[in-house]
Amino acid sequence: MRLTYEAALAFLYPRTTAIKFGLDTTRALLAELGDPHEVIPVVHVGGTNGKGSVATLIADAFRETGLRVGLYTSPHLVSFRERIVVDGIAVTEEAVAMWTARLQPLIVERGATFFEASTAIAFADFAARGAEIAVVEVGLGGRLDSTNVVRPLVSVVTKIARDHMKYLGDSLEEIAREKAGIAKPGAPFIVGETDPDLVRVLSAEAARAVAAVDRSASADIRLVPPAARWEGALGLAGPHQRRNAAVADAALAALPARWRPGPAAVRRAFAAARLPGRLDRRGRWLFDVAHNPDGMDALVTALRAAPPPGPVHALVSILGDKEWPEMLVRLDAAVDRGVLTIAPSAEGRRWDLEWLRRWLERPDRPPAHAQWSLVPDFRAALDEVQRGAGTVLVTGSFHTVGDVMEALGLR
C-alpha cells in the first residue's frame, strides 16, 4: 500500500499515547527491514538532560572529519522529519511514507508504538542514505528503550535528574539503574553524572548490564571528572553546555582510533554547533525546551550568567505530568512577567487549568518576583506576552517551543 506523508503521520501519531518497554517489537520491525542497525556503527547517548546536546556535538565532530553521519533524536520541535537526519539533512517526506507503508502491517500486528516504529524507520533511512556512523539518542530510560537494540562503539549517560518517574521510578537511584542499562560489552561507558552516590549506582548497574550479555566481560566505565568543562569556543549557549561539551569530548576520546576525530576537528565542530530550542535566541525571542526542574535550573542559571535585554516576559506551557509548581517557582526568580498557556500540540497531555488557577490564587504560594497571568488561548497568550517585552522567553516543553516557532514561521 502506498501512503502519503500526511497519511503516514496520521497512522503513526495516535501510537504516541502508548508506552511499551521491551525490545522484541523493535527487533521484529528492524528484521523486516534487514536489520540495518547491525551494520551501522553507533554512539548511544542517554541521560535525563543534555543528551540531545551531547548527541549533536558528537555528530558534528564526526561530520567535521568527513564521515557521513546519521543522527536520531527526539522529540521534535516542528516537524517529525527533524528526528532523523543524515549529514544535517532531514529524512524526506517520501521516505517516511515509504518506510511506514512497508512496516504498516507488522506495526498493526505487533501493536508497535510510535517510538518503536520511528526507531526502525530511522535505521532504515540511515542505511538507505549511506550513513557511515550514527549517533542515537535514547528516547525514555535506557534499559528497555527501543534504541537499546544497538551494539554501540561507546555508550554515554549525561546526567541523572527527576523526570518520567511514572515509568522509571520515583528515586534518582531507580532512574539511574534504568539509564545505565545501555552499557554493553566492549563499549566504553561514559558517565557524566557528578553525584558520587549516583555514579556508584550507574557503575554497578552498568557492570550488571554488561555481565548479562557476556559473563566473561567487564564493564569499561569511564567517569568524566566532576569539574571538567569544555574550555574552547562553543556554539551552544549556557554554562551547562560547557559540561555537556566535556561529556561529548570524553565520548569522542573513548572511540576506537578508526572513528576518533582529532582535536582540531572537535574544536571546529564544537565552535560551530547549533541546536534549535536550547537557549536559542531569534531577535527578541529566546527559546529553551527546559521541561523538568533540573532543566529549569540550568535555564535560570544561564539567564543569570548572561541576562538578556529586559523586561523578560516568559510564555510557559508545561505538560501535566511534570513537576510544574517547582519549575514555575524556579523560573519566577529570573523573569519579570509570566504568561501561562496551553501549547496546542500538547492537548492530550496539557496541565490542568483549574489546578493552575487555584495554584496562582493560593495565599501560601511562595512570594512571586514576577507578575503571572493565565491565558489559556494560545494565540491570545502569544500576543499578550509580547507587550512591553525586551525579551520573550518561550519554555516549559518541546511542545511549547515548537508550537511558538511554528506560529512565528521559524525552524
Protein backbone atom coordinates (compact mmCIF):
# COMPACT_ATOMS: atom_id res chain seq x y z
CA MET A 1 0.00 0.00 0.00
CA ARG A 2 1.27 3.47 -0.89
CA LEU A 3 0.94 6.24 1.68
CA THR A 4 1.36 9.98 1.58
CA TYR A 5 3.50 11.64 4.23
CA GLU A 6 0.37 13.07 5.86
CA ALA A 7 -1.26 9.63 5.90
CA ALA A 8 1.88 8.08 7.39
CA LEU A 9 1.87 10.60 10.26
CA ALA A 10 -1.88 10.13 10.74
CA PHE A 11 -1.16 6.41 11.16
CA LEU A 12 1.86 6.86 13.45
CA TYR A 13 0.84 9.73 15.73
CA PRO A 14 -2.08 8.00 17.52
CA ARG A 15 0.52 5.49 18.71
CA THR A 16 2.33 8.20 20.72
CA THR A 17 -0.07 7.59 23.61
CA ALA A 18 1.30 4.07 24.07
CA ILE A 19 4.41 3.48 26.17
CA LYS A 20 5.82 -0.03 25.90
CA PHE A 21 9.01 -1.35 27.41
CA GLY A 22 10.91 -4.20 25.81
CA LEU A 23 12.92 -4.72 22.66
CA ASP A 24 11.15 -7.57 20.89
CA THR A 25 8.83 -5.44 18.77
CA THR A 26 11.62 -3.09 17.70
CA ARG A 27 13.76 -6.07 16.76
CA ALA A 28 10.89 -7.52 14.72
CA LEU A 29 10.42 -4.26 12.81
CA LEU A 30 14.13 -3.99 12.13
CA ALA A 31 14.29 -7.62 10.99
CA GLU A 32 11.58 -6.82 8.46
CA LEU A 33 13.94 -4.16 7.08
CA GLY A 34 17.06 -6.34 7.02
CA ASP A 35 18.46 -5.38 10.45
CA PRO A 36 20.10 -2.11 9.37
CA HIS A 37 21.09 -1.35 12.97
CA GLU A 38 23.57 -4.22 12.87
CA VAL A 39 25.67 -2.77 10.07
CA ILE A 40 25.96 0.87 11.17
CA PRO A 41 28.41 1.74 13.97
CA VAL A 42 26.62 3.68 16.73
CA VAL A 43 27.32 6.03 19.60
CA HIS A 44 24.44 5.64 22.07
CA VAL A 45 23.57 8.67 24.24
CA GLY A 46 21.28 8.54 27.28
CA GLY A 47 20.62 10.57 30.41
CA THR A 48 17.88 12.80 31.76
CA ASN A 49 19.01 16.16 30.40
CA GLY A 50 21.73 17.16 27.96
CA LYS A 51 21.57 14.06 25.78
CA GLY A 52 20.30 15.97 22.72
CA SER A 53 23.12 18.48 23.05
CA VAL A 54 25.75 15.78 23.59
CA ALA A 55 24.44 13.77 20.64
CA THR A 56 24.53 16.83 18.39
CA LEU A 57 28.07 17.74 19.40
CA ILE A 58 29.29 14.19 18.75
CA ALA A 59 27.57 14.05 15.37
CA ASP A 60 29.01 17.44 14.39
CA ALA A 61 32.52 16.24 15.28
CA PHE A 62 32.08 13.18 13.05
CA ARG A 63 30.87 15.37 10.19
CA GLU A 64 33.89 17.60 10.60
CA THR A 65 36.11 14.62 9.77
CA GLY A 66 34.19 13.93 6.56
CA LEU A 67 32.13 10.99 7.78
CA ARG A 68 28.53 10.62 6.62
CA VAL A 69 26.63 10.76 9.91
CA GLY A 70 23.13 9.74 10.93
CA LEU A 71 21.58 11.48 13.93
CA TYR A 72 18.44 10.20 15.65
CA THR A 73 16.97 12.46 18.34
CA SER A 74 13.62 13.06 19.99
CA PRO A 75 11.25 14.69 20.45
CA HIS A 76 10.97 17.08 17.53
CA LEU A 77 10.03 20.75 17.68
CA VAL A 78 8.07 21.45 14.49
CA SER A 79 8.40 18.51 12.11
CA PHE A 80 8.73 14.77 12.60
CA ARG A 81 11.47 14.87 9.98
CA GLU A 82 13.81 16.61 12.47
CA ARG A 83 14.22 13.32 14.32
CA ILE A 84 16.05 11.52 11.52
CA VAL A 85 18.94 13.40 9.93
CA VAL A 86 21.88 12.39 7.76
CA ASP A 87 24.65 14.94 7.30
CA GLY A 88 22.36 17.71 8.50
CA ILE A 89 19.59 16.84 6.03
CA ALA A 90 16.28 15.61 7.46
CA VAL A 91 14.58 12.48 6.20
CA THR A 92 12.32 13.22 3.24
CA GLU A 93 8.55 13.05 3.40
CA GLU A 94 8.65 10.39 0.70
CA ALA A 95 10.99 8.20 2.75
CA VAL A 96 8.82 8.47 5.88
CA ALA A 97 5.79 7.46 3.82
CA MET A 98 7.62 4.60 2.13
CA TRP A 99 9.06 3.05 5.29
CA THR A 100 5.78 3.46 7.16
CA ALA A 101 3.88 1.70 4.36
CA ARG A 102 6.48 -1.06 4.34
CA LEU A 103 6.12 -1.62 8.07
CA GLN A 104 2.41 -0.89 8.46
CA PRO A 105 1.13 -4.49 8.54
CA LEU A 106 3.74 -5.51 11.10
CA ILE A 107 3.17 -2.37 13.18
CA VAL A 108 -0.50 -3.29 13.39
CA GLU A 109 0.20 -6.96 14.04
CA ARG A 110 2.70 -6.26 16.83
CA GLY A 111 0.88 -3.25 18.27
CA ALA A 112 4.05 -1.23 17.83
CA THR A 113 4.28 2.18 19.45
CA PHE A 114 5.15 5.42 17.70
CA PHE A 115 8.71 5.33 19.04
CA GLU A 116 9.29 1.70 18.12
CA ALA A 117 8.20 2.44 14.55
CA SER A 118 10.20 5.68 14.42
CA THR A 119 13.36 3.88 15.58
CA ALA A 120 13.04 1.28 12.85
CA ILE A 121 12.39 3.97 10.24
CA ALA A 122 15.47 5.87 11.41
CA PHE A 123 17.84 2.95 10.93
CA ALA A 124 16.28 2.11 7.56
CA ASP A 125 16.79 5.68 6.40
CA PHE A 126 20.37 5.78 7.69
CA ALA A 127 21.20 2.64 5.75
CA ALA A 128 19.40 3.83 2.61
CA ARG A 129 21.29 7.13 2.65
CA GLY A 130 24.65 5.54 3.27
CA ALA A 131 25.37 6.72 6.80
CA GLU A 132 28.81 5.50 7.85
CA ILE A 133 28.15 6.03 11.55
CA ALA A 134 25.15 7.06 13.64
CA VAL A 135 24.58 8.92 16.89
CA VAL A 136 21.43 7.65 18.57
CA GLU A 137 19.69 9.38 21.46
CA VAL A 138 17.76 7.25 23.94
CA GLY A 139 14.05 8.01 23.98
CA LEU A 140 12.96 7.11 27.52
CA GLY A 141 15.05 5.44 30.22
CA GLY A 142 17.59 3.16 28.58
CA ARG A 143 17.44 -0.50 29.58
CA LEU A 144 14.16 -1.20 27.82
CA ASP A 145 14.15 1.72 25.37
CA SER A 146 13.66 0.86 21.70
CA THR A 147 17.10 2.22 20.83
CA ASN A 148 18.78 -0.32 23.12
CA VAL A 149 18.86 -2.85 20.28
CA VAL A 150 22.21 -1.36 19.20
CA ARG A 151 25.71 -2.69 19.96
CA PRO A 152 27.49 0.65 20.26
CA LEU A 153 31.08 1.74 19.96
CA VAL A 154 30.52 3.92 23.04
CA SER A 155 27.59 4.47 25.41
CA VAL A 156 27.04 7.72 27.31
CA VAL A 157 24.89 8.74 30.26
CA THR A 158 24.95 12.52 30.59
CA LYS A 159 23.34 13.08 33.99
CA ILE A 160 20.51 11.88 36.20
CA ALA A 161 17.57 14.03 37.29
CA ARG A 162 13.89 13.64 38.07
CA ASP A 163 11.73 13.03 35.01
CA HIS A 164 9.37 10.33 33.73
CA MET A 165 9.08 8.94 37.27
CA LYS A 166 5.84 7.15 36.34
CA TYR A 167 7.90 4.85 34.14
CA LEU A 168 11.42 4.93 35.55
CA GLY A 169 10.89 5.06 39.32
CA ASP A 170 10.42 7.68 41.99
CA SER A 171 14.02 7.93 43.16
CA LEU A 172 17.13 9.12 41.38
CA GLU A 173 18.73 5.77 42.11
CA GLU A 174 15.92 3.91 40.32
CA ILE A 175 16.17 6.28 37.36
CA ALA A 176 19.95 5.78 37.25
CA ARG A 177 19.55 2.00 37.11
CA GLU A 178 17.33 2.28 34.07
CA LYS A 179 19.67 4.71 32.34
CA ALA A 180 22.71 2.50 32.93
CA GLY A 181 21.05 -0.35 31.08
CA ILE A 182 22.55 0.88 27.80
CA ALA A 183 26.04 -0.29 28.84
CA LYS A 184 27.36 -3.06 26.55
CA PRO A 185 30.36 -5.39 26.45
CA GLY A 186 33.34 -3.98 24.60
CA ALA A 187 31.98 -0.43 24.58
CA PRO A 188 33.31 2.24 26.95
CA PHE A 189 30.53 3.53 29.20
CA ILE A 190 30.93 7.29 29.71
CA VAL A 191 29.40 8.72 32.88
CA GLY A 192 28.77 12.47 33.02
CA GLU A 193 26.90 12.37 36.33
CA THR A 194 28.76 14.05 39.20
CA ASP A 195 26.87 12.93 42.31
CA PRO A 196 29.05 10.22 43.95
CA ASP A 197 26.10 8.10 45.09
CA LEU A 198 24.53 8.12 41.62
CA VAL A 199 27.89 7.41 39.99
CA ARG A 200 28.15 4.28 42.17
CA VAL A 201 24.66 3.19 41.12
CA LEU A 202 25.40 3.81 37.44
CA SER A 203 28.69 1.92 37.66
CA ALA A 204 27.19 -1.07 39.46
CA GLU A 205 24.23 -1.31 37.11
CA ALA A 206 26.45 -0.92 34.05
CA ALA A 207 28.54 -3.83 35.29
CA ARG A 208 25.38 -5.92 35.69
CA ALA A 209 24.12 -4.97 32.24
CA VAL A 210 27.41 -5.98 30.63
CA ALA A 211 27.57 -9.27 32.52
CA ALA A 212 24.00 -10.08 31.48
CA VAL A 213 25.14 -10.05 27.86
CA ASP A 214 28.58 -11.62 28.36
CA ARG A 215 29.52 -13.14 31.71
CA SER A 216 33.19 -13.08 30.80
CA ALA A 217 33.20 -9.33 30.07
CA SER A 218 33.76 -6.49 32.47
CA ALA A 219 32.31 -3.01 32.10
CA ASP A 220 34.67 -0.33 30.78
CA ILE A 221 33.39 2.56 32.91
CA ARG A 222 34.94 5.97 32.34
CA LEU A 223 33.97 8.86 34.60
CA VAL A 224 34.08 12.43 33.34
CA PRO A 225 35.74 14.40 36.19
CA PRO A 226 33.12 16.48 38.04
CA ALA A 227 35.00 19.71 37.41
CA ALA A 228 35.52 19.07 33.69
CA ARG A 229 34.20 21.82 31.42
CA TRP A 230 34.88 22.47 27.75
CA GLU A 231 37.24 25.45 27.65
CA GLY A 232 37.27 26.13 23.91
CA ALA A 233 34.87 28.04 21.71
CA LEU A 234 31.34 26.64 21.88
CA GLY A 235 28.36 27.42 19.71
CA LEU A 236 25.83 26.28 22.32
CA ALA A 237 24.95 28.91 24.94
CA GLY A 238 24.79 28.50 28.70
CA PRO A 239 27.15 27.27 31.43
CA HIS A 240 25.55 23.81 31.40
CA GLN A 241 26.56 23.35 27.76
CA ARG A 242 30.23 23.54 28.76
CA ARG A 243 29.64 20.46 30.89
CA ASN A 244 27.72 18.77 28.07
CA ALA A 245 30.61 19.51 25.71
CA ALA A 246 33.10 18.00 28.16
CA VAL A 247 30.98 14.82 28.25
CA ALA A 248 30.77 14.76 24.43
CA ASP A 249 34.55 15.23 24.21
CA ALA A 250 35.10 12.33 26.62
CA ALA A 251 32.87 10.10 24.50
CA LEU A 252 34.76 11.02 21.33
CA ALA A 253 38.10 10.37 23.03
CA ALA A 254 36.90 6.88 24.04
CA LEU A 255 36.19 5.80 20.46
CA PRO A 256 38.38 3.31 18.60
CA ALA A 257 41.12 5.12 16.67
CA ARG A 258 39.40 4.45 13.34
CA TRP A 259 36.42 6.59 14.33
CA ARG A 260 38.03 9.10 16.70
CA PRO A 261 38.02 12.71 15.44
CA GLY A 262 41.22 14.64 16.04
CA PRO A 263 41.36 17.56 18.49
CA ALA A 264 41.25 20.19 15.74
CA ALA A 265 38.09 18.66 14.22
CA VAL A 266 36.44 18.56 17.64
CA ARG A 267 37.29 22.21 18.29
CA ARG A 268 35.88 23.31 14.93
CA ALA A 269 32.72 21.26 15.37
CA PHE A 270 32.01 22.44 18.91
CA ALA A 271 32.62 26.08 17.98
CA ALA A 272 30.10 25.89 15.14
CA ALA A 273 27.46 23.74 16.89
CA ARG A 274 23.85 24.87 16.81
CA LEU A 275 20.77 23.23 18.30
CA PRO A 276 17.30 24.78 17.96
CA GLY A 277 15.39 25.31 21.18
CA ARG A 278 18.36 25.34 23.53
CA LEU A 279 18.94 28.92 24.73
CA ASP A 280 18.17 29.70 21.12
CA ARG A 281 17.88 33.44 20.51
CA ARG A 282 15.99 34.71 17.46
CA GLY A 283 15.76 38.50 17.66
CA ARG A 284 13.96 39.29 20.90
CA TRP A 285 12.68 35.71 21.18
CA LEU A 286 14.57 33.23 23.34
CA PHE A 287 13.61 29.55 23.14
CA ASP A 288 14.55 26.85 25.62
CA VAL A 289 12.98 23.40 25.99
CA ALA A 290 13.53 23.13 29.78
CA HIS A 291 10.85 20.61 30.78
CA ASN A 292 11.79 19.40 34.26
CA PRO A 293 13.20 21.03 37.42
CA ASP A 294 16.83 20.28 36.54
CA GLY A 295 16.38 21.76 33.08
CA MET A 296 14.72 24.83 34.57
CA ASP A 297 17.64 25.24 36.98
CA ALA A 298 20.04 25.21 34.03
CA LEU A 299 17.94 27.81 32.20
CA VAL A 300 17.73 30.12 35.21
CA THR A 301 21.48 29.83 35.83
CA ALA A 302 22.13 30.72 32.19
CA LEU A 303 19.80 33.74 32.36
CA ARG A 304 21.60 34.99 35.46
CA ALA A 305 25.03 34.43 33.92
CA ALA A 306 24.13 36.41 30.79
CA PRO A 307 20.99 38.48 31.44
CA PRO A 308 19.03 39.15 28.25
CA PRO A 309 17.55 42.57 27.48
CA GLY A 310 14.65 43.30 29.81
CA PRO A 311 11.91 43.23 30.72
CA VAL A 312 11.94 39.46 30.32
CA HIS A 313 8.49 38.01 29.69
CA ALA A 314 8.03 34.23 29.71
CA LEU A 315 5.44 32.26 27.77
CA VAL A 316 5.14 28.94 29.59
CA SER A 317 3.26 25.71 28.98
CA ILE A 318 4.30 22.58 30.85
CA LEU A 319 2.97 19.05 30.42
CA GLY A 320 0.59 17.92 33.13
CA ASP A 321 2.75 15.01 34.29
CA LYS A 322 5.74 17.22 35.06
CA GLU A 323 6.66 18.90 38.37
CA TRP A 324 5.35 22.22 37.17
CA PRO A 325 4.85 24.06 40.52
CA GLU A 326 8.53 23.57 41.34
CA MET A 327 9.52 24.61 37.81
CA LEU A 328 7.46 27.81 37.95
CA VAL A 329 8.87 28.79 41.34
CA ARG A 330 12.40 28.45 39.98
CA LEU A 331 11.63 30.35 36.78
CA ASP A 332 9.91 33.16 38.70
CA ALA A 333 13.23 34.45 40.03
CA ALA A 334 14.60 35.08 36.53
CA VAL A 335 11.70 36.77 34.71
CA ASP A 336 9.63 39.91 35.12
CA ARG A 337 6.35 38.59 33.81
CA GLY A 338 4.96 35.15 33.07
CA VAL A 339 2.05 34.13 30.87
CA LEU A 340 0.80 30.58 31.35
CA THR A 341 -0.98 28.92 28.44
CA ILE A 342 -1.62 25.61 26.71
CA ALA A 343 0.56 24.57 23.79
CA PRO A 344 -1.81 23.26 21.08
CA SER A 345 0.26 20.17 20.29
CA ALA A 346 0.20 19.17 23.98
CA GLU A 347 -3.58 18.99 24.10
CA GLY A 348 -3.64 15.36 25.18
CA ARG A 349 -1.08 15.95 27.96
CA ARG A 350 -1.87 19.51 28.97
CA TRP A 351 -1.66 20.75 32.51
CA ASP A 352 -4.91 21.17 34.40
CA LEU A 353 -6.29 24.71 34.07
CA GLU A 354 -8.28 24.54 37.28
CA TRP A 355 -5.21 23.44 39.23
CA LEU A 356 -3.28 26.31 37.69
CA ARG A 357 -5.93 28.83 38.67
CA ARG A 358 -6.02 27.53 42.23
CA TRP A 359 -2.24 27.47 42.44
CA LEU A 360 -1.97 31.10 41.27
CA GLU A 361 -4.55 32.15 43.88
CA ARG A 362 -3.05 30.22 46.79
CA PRO A 363 -2.05 32.59 49.61
CA ASP A 364 0.66 30.18 50.76
CA ARG A 365 2.34 30.04 47.34
CA PRO A 366 5.97 31.23 47.53
CA PRO A 367 6.14 35.03 47.10
CA ALA A 368 6.45 35.86 43.41
CA HIS A 369 9.03 38.13 41.85
CA ALA A 370 7.22 38.17 38.51
CA GLN A 371 3.66 39.08 37.60
CA TRP A 372 1.86 35.90 36.49
CA SER A 373 -1.32 35.50 34.48
CA LEU A 374 -3.21 32.61 32.92
CA VAL A 375 -4.25 32.98 29.28
CA PRO A 376 -5.48 29.56 28.12
CA ASP A 377 -5.94 30.55 24.48
CA PHE A 378 -2.58 30.04 22.82
CA ARG A 379 -2.87 32.80 20.22
CA ALA A 380 -4.08 35.31 22.79
CA ALA A 381 -1.22 34.37 25.11
CA LEU A 382 1.27 34.78 22.25
CA ASP A 383 0.03 38.31 21.68
CA GLU A 384 -0.14 39.15 25.38
CA VAL A 385 3.38 38.04 26.29
CA GLN A 386 4.96 40.32 23.71
CA ARG A 387 3.51 43.54 25.12
CA GLY A 388 6.30 45.64 26.61
CA ALA A 389 8.85 42.81 26.49
CA GLY A 390 12.54 43.33 25.84
CA THR A 391 12.97 39.55 25.61
CA VAL A 392 10.24 36.94 25.17
CA LEU A 393 11.32 33.63 26.69
CA VAL A 394 9.42 30.56 25.49
CA THR A 395 9.86 27.49 27.68
CA GLY A 396 8.28 24.58 29.55
CA SER A 397 8.30 21.80 26.96
CA PHE A 398 9.31 20.81 23.45
CA HIS A 399 5.65 21.28 22.53
CA THR A 400 5.66 24.89 23.71
CA VAL A 401 8.84 25.83 21.88
CA GLY A 402 7.81 24.01 18.72
CA ASP A 403 4.32 25.49 18.61
CA VAL A 404 5.61 29.04 19.00
CA MET A 405 8.31 28.50 16.39
CA GLU A 406 5.67 27.19 14.00
CA ALA A 407 3.37 30.12 14.72
CA LEU A 408 6.21 32.56 14.02
CA GLY A 409 7.36 30.72 10.90
CA LEU A 410 10.70 29.72 12.45
CA ARG A 411 12.67 26.49 12.15
